């Protein structure tokens, strides 16, 4: 009999016990779509001194020369890069890395936000695979592929790329050439380069292995995998003036906080641009302080932070309870997770379903490389 269950998004959870995220590994992607590991995986470094704002910074500059790397990257929400990093870590340790759920931070954030967003704004359509004692979750491919083609790239989406380009360097400032620093306004933007951190986090009794895109290192980077405290998230918003703009900013910073909270990123750096998309000011927020600031200025939005943590615990506990455990590295059990009528709905994918073969025998979720690796390990 196939598994089918639903969870009301208005249901209140009680779990607030959290395990601080710990970085396990890093990896990167270049503009050619190649995955880089070890010393080749390099983050960018924050550099935007106050005096930079003494001269106008046009965040629309270079729009027409934006480099689209979508064709080289392919499916942006594929788990394959994350699984490759996990496999390399397991090969180094010669054993499986413990964790109940394997997913990207963005995927888990979307599930958490399902309790707060309209389903049209945040549609949920995901594959959940039970394999080798873990759940692997990714967005269904038809909703996951992004197409930031130059002809389609508008200012609304381009400005954040330009802000991140202006605010970062390829290496610490003391190692960078002056000419490179001064030419930042002319640096072309692309959607290919990416640095990611693989972390183990926990809520309640659930352990998660999450992959998070990291914008930059704020100060310096240490040897090894203990750099979470040095990372920062970069965002760019319109300047806040009218009440409506304040509400929009508060709702936006809640979403940024959630992703940083899940990933363990301690710092949010927010640029504010005027109506002409000229950068005016830059503010820094400690991730841990955002719920307090929201509670003071927007109590309703601030209350969502605690509610989000409780819902995070409830939905992960529900998934582990509903999906039957599969300790066998030989079998793959596929499910589909959707949102409809204010309920998260989990339905087992039948062998007659069109996507069954691509999930079970193909690489829609798990890569063949990862499956072969897991099958080579001793049985539990």
Protein backbone atom coordinates (compact mmCIF):
# COMPACT_ATOMS: atom_id res chain seq x y z
CA UNK A 1 0.00 0.00 0.00
CA UNK A 2 1.44 3.38 -1.01
CA UNK A 3 2.27 6.04 1.57
CA UNK A 4 0.14 9.20 1.61
CA UNK A 5 -0.02 11.86 4.32
CA UNK A 6 -0.63 15.58 4.84
CA UNK A 7 0.42 18.24 7.34
CA UNK A 8 -1.58 21.43 7.97
CA UNK A 9 0.70 24.44 7.60
CA UNK A 10 -1.11 26.22 10.42
CA UNK A 11 -0.23 23.50 12.90
CA UNK A 12 1.94 24.79 15.72
CA UNK A 13 5.09 22.96 16.67
CA UNK A 14 6.81 22.98 20.04
CA UNK A 15 10.39 22.03 19.17
CA UNK A 16 12.92 24.80 19.76
CA UNK A 17 15.97 22.68 20.61
CA UNK A 18 18.64 23.47 18.03
CA UNK A 19 22.08 22.18 17.20
CA UNK A 20 24.49 24.84 16.01
CA UNK A 21 25.46 24.26 12.35
CA UNK A 22 28.97 22.90 11.86
CA UNK A 23 30.87 23.15 8.61
CA UNK A 24 31.97 19.78 7.23
CA UNK A 25 33.28 20.68 3.78
CA UNK A 26 33.28 23.34 1.05
CA UNK A 27 32.97 23.27 -2.70
CA UNK A 28 32.59 25.73 -5.54
CA UNK A 29 31.26 26.05 -9.08
CA UNK A 30 32.86 28.06 -11.87
CA UNK A 31 31.38 29.74 -14.94
CA UNK A 32 31.95 26.60 -17.00
CA UNK A 33 29.79 24.57 -14.62
CA UNK A 34 32.73 22.64 -13.17
CA UNK A 35 32.64 21.64 -9.50
CA UNK A 36 35.75 22.52 -7.49
CA UNK A 37 36.87 20.97 -4.21
CA UNK A 38 39.65 21.41 -1.68
CA UNK A 39 42.08 24.26 -2.28
CA UNK A 40 40.44 24.99 -5.65
CA UNK A 41 37.20 25.98 -3.92
CA UNK A 42 37.79 29.60 -3.01
CA UNK A 43 35.30 32.08 -1.53
CA UNK A 44 35.21 35.80 -2.23
CA UNK A 45 36.18 38.36 0.42
CA UNK A 46 34.17 41.36 1.55
CA UNK A 47 35.61 44.75 0.72
CA UNK A 48 33.48 47.87 0.65
CA UNK A 49 35.02 50.55 2.87
CA UNK A 50 32.90 53.54 3.89
CA UNK A 51 34.84 55.88 1.62
CA UNK A 52 33.63 53.86 -1.38
CA UNK A 53 30.26 55.55 -0.94
CA UNK A 54 31.81 59.01 -1.30
CA UNK A 55 31.44 58.52 -5.05
CA UNK A 56 28.24 57.31 -6.75
CA UNK A 57 28.11 53.54 -7.27
CA UNK A 58 25.81 52.74 -10.17
CA UNK A 59 24.33 49.28 -9.62
CA UNK A 60 22.99 49.14 -13.18
CA UNK A 61 26.43 49.38 -14.80
CA UNK A 62 27.24 46.38 -16.99
CA UNK A 63 23.68 45.09 -17.32
CA UNK A 64 23.98 44.48 -21.06
CA UNK A 65 27.25 42.59 -20.59
CA UNK A 66 25.91 40.25 -17.92
CA UNK A 67 27.30 36.75 -18.56
CA UNK A 68 24.65 34.06 -18.50
CA UNK A 69 26.04 30.65 -17.50
CA UNK A 70 22.73 28.78 -17.31
CA UNK A 71 23.54 26.39 -20.16
CA UNK A 72 26.83 25.34 -18.54
CA UNK A 73 25.31 25.03 -15.06
CA UNK A 74 22.17 23.12 -16.00
CA UNK A 75 19.81 22.26 -13.16
CA UNK A 76 20.58 24.79 -10.44
CA UNK A 77 18.85 22.85 -7.67
CA UNK A 78 20.46 19.50 -8.42
CA UNK A 79 21.86 17.69 -5.38
CA UNK A 80 24.74 16.24 -7.38
CA UNK A 81 27.38 18.79 -6.36
CA UNK A 82 26.36 18.48 -2.73
CA UNK A 83 26.44 14.67 -2.96
CA UNK A 84 29.88 14.80 -4.54
CA UNK A 85 31.16 16.89 -1.62
CA UNK A 86 29.49 14.49 0.82
CA UNK A 87 31.01 11.48 -0.95
CA UNK A 88 34.51 12.99 -0.85
CA UNK A 89 34.09 13.60 2.87
CA UNK A 90 32.93 10.01 3.42
CA UNK A 91 35.84 8.67 1.36
CA UNK A 92 38.22 10.63 3.57
CA UNK A 93 36.57 9.27 6.72
CA UNK A 94 35.99 5.81 5.21
CA UNK A 95 32.43 5.79 6.57
CA UNK A 96 28.99 7.33 6.06
CA UNK A 97 28.40 10.83 7.37
CA UNK A 98 25.51 10.76 9.81
CA UNK A 99 22.42 12.82 9.06
CA UNK A 100 18.69 12.24 8.66
CA UNK A 101 17.93 14.71 5.85
CA UNK A 102 20.14 15.83 2.96
CA UNK A 103 19.05 18.99 1.13
CA UNK A 104 20.03 22.53 0.22
CA UNK A 105 19.35 25.38 2.61
CA UNK A 106 17.11 27.01 0.00
CA UNK A 107 14.97 23.87 -0.22
CA UNK A 108 14.49 23.69 3.54
CA UNK A 109 13.86 27.45 3.70
CA UNK A 110 11.10 27.07 1.09
CA UNK A 111 9.48 24.37 3.21
CA UNK A 112 9.66 26.54 6.33
CA UNK A 113 8.27 29.55 4.44
CA UNK A 114 5.30 27.47 3.28
CA UNK A 115 3.73 28.28 6.65
CA UNK A 116 3.95 32.02 5.95
CA UNK A 117 3.76 32.52 2.17
CA UNK A 118 0.98 32.24 -0.34
CA UNK A 119 1.46 29.01 -2.31
CA UNK A 120 1.51 31.04 -5.54
CA UNK A 121 4.50 33.02 -4.24
CA UNK A 122 6.28 29.96 -2.85
CA UNK A 123 5.02 26.86 -4.70
CA UNK A 124 6.17 23.57 -3.19
CA UNK A 125 6.85 20.70 -5.58
CA UNK A 126 9.69 18.48 -4.39
CA UNK A 127 11.06 14.98 -4.63
CA UNK A 128 11.81 13.15 -1.39
CA UNK A 129 13.91 10.00 -1.70
CA UNK A 130 14.42 7.49 1.10
CA UNK A 131 17.79 5.85 0.56
CA UNK A 132 20.39 4.21 2.77
CA UNK A 133 18.87 5.47 6.02
CA UNK A 134 18.53 9.10 4.90
CA UNK A 135 16.01 11.36 3.17
CA UNK A 136 17.23 13.32 0.14
CA UNK A 137 15.06 16.31 -0.80
CA UNK A 138 15.23 18.52 -3.88
CA UNK A 139 12.88 20.75 -5.84
CA UNK A 140 11.23 19.04 -8.79
CA UNK A 141 13.17 19.81 -11.96
CA UNK A 142 10.33 21.58 -13.75
CA UNK A 143 10.30 24.27 -11.03
CA UNK A 144 14.02 24.29 -10.29
CA UNK A 145 15.70 25.40 -13.50
CA UNK A 146 16.38 29.13 -13.66
CA UNK A 147 16.98 31.03 -16.88
CA UNK A 148 18.79 34.29 -16.22
CA UNK A 149 19.42 34.95 -19.90
CA UNK A 150 20.80 38.40 -20.74
CA UNK A 151 17.70 39.29 -22.76
CA UNK A 152 15.54 38.45 -19.76
CA UNK A 153 17.78 39.94 -17.10
CA UNK A 154 15.99 42.97 -15.69
CA UNK A 155 17.25 45.55 -13.23
CA UNK A 156 15.36 44.01 -10.32
CA UNK A 157 17.41 40.81 -10.60
CA UNK A 158 20.63 42.39 -11.82
CA UNK A 159 21.18 44.90 -9.00
CA UNK A 160 21.93 42.22 -6.34
CA UNK A 161 24.53 40.65 -8.67
CA UNK A 162 26.19 44.05 -9.14
CA UNK A 163 26.16 44.82 -5.42
CA UNK A 164 27.86 41.50 -4.62
CA UNK A 165 30.40 42.11 -7.36
CA UNK A 166 31.19 45.60 -6.03
CA UNK A 167 31.40 44.41 -2.43
CA UNK A 168 33.81 41.50 -2.87
CA UNK A 169 37.30 40.60 -4.03
CA UNK A 170 38.74 37.28 -5.20
CA UNK A 171 41.25 37.29 -2.34
CA UNK A 172 41.92 39.28 0.86
CA UNK A 173 42.47 42.97 0.17
CA UNK A 174 46.10 42.89 1.34
CA UNK A 175 46.86 40.35 -1.40
CA UNK A 176 44.92 42.09 -4.15
CA UNK A 177 46.48 44.48 -6.63
CA UNK A 178 45.40 48.12 -6.41
CA UNK A 179 44.35 48.14 -10.06
CA UNK A 180 41.97 45.23 -9.46
CA UNK A 181 40.45 46.96 -6.44
CA UNK A 182 39.91 50.21 -8.32
CA UNK A 183 38.36 48.47 -11.35
CA UNK A 184 35.59 46.79 -9.35
CA UNK A 185 32.89 49.08 -10.84
CA UNK A 186 33.80 47.75 -14.30
CA UNK A 187 33.90 44.09 -13.28
CA UNK A 188 31.36 42.08 -15.29
CA UNK A 189 28.76 40.03 -13.43
CA UNK A 190 27.77 36.43 -14.05
CA UNK A 191 25.48 33.81 -12.56
CA UNK A 192 27.99 30.96 -12.70
CA UNK A 193 30.53 31.46 -9.92
CA UNK A 194 29.38 30.04 -6.60
CA UNK A 195 30.97 28.96 -3.30
CA UNK A 196 29.08 26.63 -0.98
CA UNK A 197 29.40 25.24 2.53
CA UNK A 198 28.25 21.75 3.55
CA UNK A 199 27.09 21.80 7.15
CA UNK A 200 25.51 19.52 9.71
CA UNK A 201 22.67 21.21 11.59
CA UNK A 202 19.97 19.96 13.91
CA UNK A 203 16.49 20.72 15.18
CA UNK A 204 14.93 18.57 17.86
CA UNK A 205 16.14 15.02 17.23
CA UNK A 206 16.59 15.59 13.49
CA UNK A 207 20.05 16.05 11.97
CA UNK A 208 20.34 17.72 8.58
CA UNK A 209 23.19 17.89 6.06
CA UNK A 210 22.68 21.22 4.29
CA UNK A 211 24.43 22.88 1.37
CA UNK A 212 24.41 26.68 1.51
CA UNK A 213 25.62 29.22 -1.01
CA UNK A 214 28.06 31.60 0.70
CA UNK A 215 28.43 35.15 -0.60
CA UNK A 216 31.72 36.06 1.04
CA UNK A 217 34.18 35.87 3.91
CA UNK A 218 33.76 38.96 6.06
CA UNK A 219 37.21 39.14 7.64
CA UNK A 220 39.58 36.20 7.20
CA UNK A 221 39.50 32.49 6.53
CA UNK A 222 41.05 29.83 8.74
CA UNK A 223 42.64 26.56 7.69
CA UNK A 224 40.24 23.63 7.83
CA UNK A 225 36.47 23.62 8.08
CA UNK A 226 35.67 26.01 10.91
CA UNK A 227 34.85 29.12 8.93
CA UNK A 228 31.11 29.53 9.42
CA UNK A 229 31.69 32.37 11.87
CA UNK A 230 33.60 34.27 9.18
CA UNK A 231 30.91 34.13 6.49
CA UNK A 232 28.46 36.85 5.50
CA UNK A 233 25.31 37.12 3.39
CA UNK A 234 25.04 40.08 1.01
CA UNK A 235 21.66 41.54 0.07
CA UNK A 236 20.56 44.75 -1.63
CA UNK A 237 17.29 46.58 -0.99
CA UNK A 238 15.64 49.88 -1.94
CA UNK A 239 16.17 52.65 0.57
CA UNK A 240 13.51 52.55 3.28
CA UNK A 241 11.32 55.64 3.54
CA UNK A 242 7.57 55.21 3.55
CA UNK A 243 5.72 52.78 5.82
CA UNK A 244 5.03 50.42 2.93
CA UNK A 245 8.74 50.27 2.12
CA UNK A 246 9.52 49.49 5.76
CA UNK A 247 7.06 46.58 5.78
CA UNK A 248 8.59 45.23 2.58
CA UNK A 249 12.08 45.44 4.07
CA UNK A 250 10.99 43.75 7.32
CA UNK A 251 9.41 40.86 5.43
CA UNK A 252 12.48 40.58 3.22
CA UNK A 253 14.97 40.60 6.08
CA UNK A 254 12.95 37.86 7.80
CA UNK A 255 13.55 35.62 4.78
CA UNK A 256 17.25 36.50 4.69
CA UNK A 257 17.47 35.79 8.43
CA UNK A 258 15.85 32.37 7.95
CA UNK A 259 18.39 31.28 5.35
CA UNK A 260 21.31 32.56 7.43
CA UNK A 261 19.87 30.91 10.53
CA UNK A 262 19.59 27.56 8.75
CA UNK A 263 23.06 27.83 7.23
CA UNK A 264 24.79 29.15 10.35
CA UNK A 265 25.91 32.38 8.64
CA UNK A 266 26.34 34.96 11.44
CA UNK A 267 26.36 38.23 9.52
CA UNK A 268 24.05 39.99 7.05
CA UNK A 269 25.36 42.96 5.07
CA UNK A 270 22.61 44.97 3.43
CA UNK A 271 23.11 47.61 0.78
CA UNK A 272 20.41 50.23 0.18
CA UNK A 273 19.94 51.75 -3.28
CA UNK A 274 17.82 54.75 -4.27
CA UNK A 275 15.29 54.99 -7.11
CA UNK A 276 18.11 55.37 -9.65
CA UNK A 277 19.78 52.19 -8.34
CA UNK A 278 22.67 54.15 -6.89
CA UNK A 279 24.08 52.59 -3.72
CA UNK A 280 23.51 55.03 -0.84
CA UNK A 281 24.25 53.21 2.43
CA UNK A 282 25.39 49.84 3.76
CA UNK A 283 24.23 48.37 7.07
CA UNK A 284 25.46 45.30 8.92
CA UNK A 285 23.24 43.03 11.03
CA UNK A 286 24.19 40.12 13.26
CA UNK A 287 21.92 37.21 12.33
CA UNK A 288 21.23 36.48 15.98
CA UNK A 289 20.00 40.07 16.52
CA UNK A 290 17.46 40.15 13.68
CA UNK A 291 14.58 38.55 15.65
CA UNK A 292 15.09 41.11 18.42
CA UNK A 293 15.17 44.04 15.99
CA UNK A 294 12.04 42.79 14.23
CA UNK A 295 10.26 42.29 17.54
CA UNK A 296 10.97 45.92 18.44
CA UNK A 297 9.95 47.48 15.12
CA UNK A 298 7.55 44.91 13.63
CA UNK A 299 6.23 42.58 16.37
CA UNK A 300 4.11 40.54 13.97
CA UNK A 301 7.06 39.82 11.70
CA UNK A 302 9.33 39.28 14.70
CA UNK A 303 7.00 36.61 16.06
CA UNK A 304 7.49 34.64 12.85
CA UNK A 305 11.10 33.92 13.77
CA UNK A 306 10.16 31.70 16.71
CA UNK A 307 7.20 30.28 14.79
CA UNK A 308 9.56 29.43 11.92
CA UNK A 309 11.88 27.51 14.24
CA UNK A 310 8.96 25.54 15.68
CA UNK A 311 7.57 24.78 12.21
CA UNK A 312 11.07 23.75 11.07
CA UNK A 313 11.16 21.19 13.87
CA UNK A 314 7.61 20.00 13.25
CA UNK A 315 7.87 19.46 9.49
CA UNK A 316 11.24 17.64 9.66
CA UNK A 317 9.93 15.41 12.46
CA UNK A 318 6.79 14.73 10.39
CA UNK A 319 8.80 13.76 7.31
CA UNK A 320 10.92 11.29 9.26
CA UNK A 321 7.83 9.84 10.89
CA UNK A 322 5.82 9.40 7.68
CA UNK A 323 8.50 8.20 5.26
CA UNK A 324 9.38 4.58 6.08
CA UNK A 325 13.09 4.14 6.80
CA UNK A 326 15.17 2.51 4.07
CA UNK A 327 18.44 1.25 5.52
CA UNK A 328 19.17 -0.64 2.31
CA UNK A 329 21.70 0.96 -0.05
CA UNK A 330 20.27 -1.15 -2.87
CA UNK A 331 16.76 0.32 -2.95
CA UNK A 332 15.45 3.82 -3.66
CA UNK A 333 11.98 4.84 -2.44
CA UNK A 334 10.62 7.99 -4.13
CA UNK A 335 7.97 10.41 -2.85
CA UNK A 336 6.54 13.72 -4.02
CA UNK A 337 5.98 16.63 -1.63
CA UNK A 338 3.57 19.38 -2.67
CA UNK A 339 1.59 22.23 -1.12
CA UNK A 340 -2.13 22.58 -1.77
CA UNK A 341 -5.14 23.76 0.25
CA UNK A 342 -2.89 24.86 3.14
CA UNK A 343 -1.46 21.37 3.54
CA UNK A 344 1.92 19.86 2.76
CA UNK A 345 1.07 16.62 0.99
CA UNK A 346 3.44 13.68 0.75
CA UNK A 347 2.62 10.97 -1.77
CA UNK A 348 4.65 7.92 -2.71
CA UNK A 349 5.59 7.86 -6.39
CA UNK A 350 4.21 4.73 -8.03
CA UNK A 351 6.17 2.71 -10.60
CA UNK A 352 3.55 3.70 -13.18
CA UNK A 353 4.31 7.40 -12.67
CA UNK A 354 6.24 9.10 -15.47
CA UNK A 355 8.98 10.34 -13.11
CA UNK A 356 9.48 7.05 -11.22
CA UNK A 357 12.21 5.64 -13.46
CA UNK A 358 14.19 8.90 -13.60
CA UNK A 359 14.22 9.03 -9.80
CA UNK A 360 14.80 5.36 -8.99
CA UNK A 361 17.06 4.33 -11.88
CA UNK A 362 18.14 7.70 -13.25
CA UNK A 363 19.79 10.78 -11.74
CA UNK A 364 16.81 13.05 -11.08
CA UNK A 365 17.76 13.09 -7.39
CA UNK A 366 20.72 10.83 -6.60
CA UNK A 367 23.79 10.65 -8.83
CA UNK A 368 24.99 7.25 -10.02
CA UNK A 369 28.41 8.09 -8.61
CA UNK A 370 26.97 8.60 -5.13
CA UNK A 371 24.79 5.47 -5.26
CA UNK A 372 27.73 3.33 -6.37
CA UNK A 373 29.83 4.76 -3.54
CA UNK A 374 27.21 4.02 -0.91
CA UNK A 375 26.74 0.48 -2.22
CA UNK A 376 30.48 -0.11 -1.91
CA UNK A 377 30.38 0.58 1.84
CA UNK A 378 29.82 -2.23 4.35
CA UNK A 379 26.17 -2.80 5.26
CA UNK A 380 25.03 -1.10 8.45
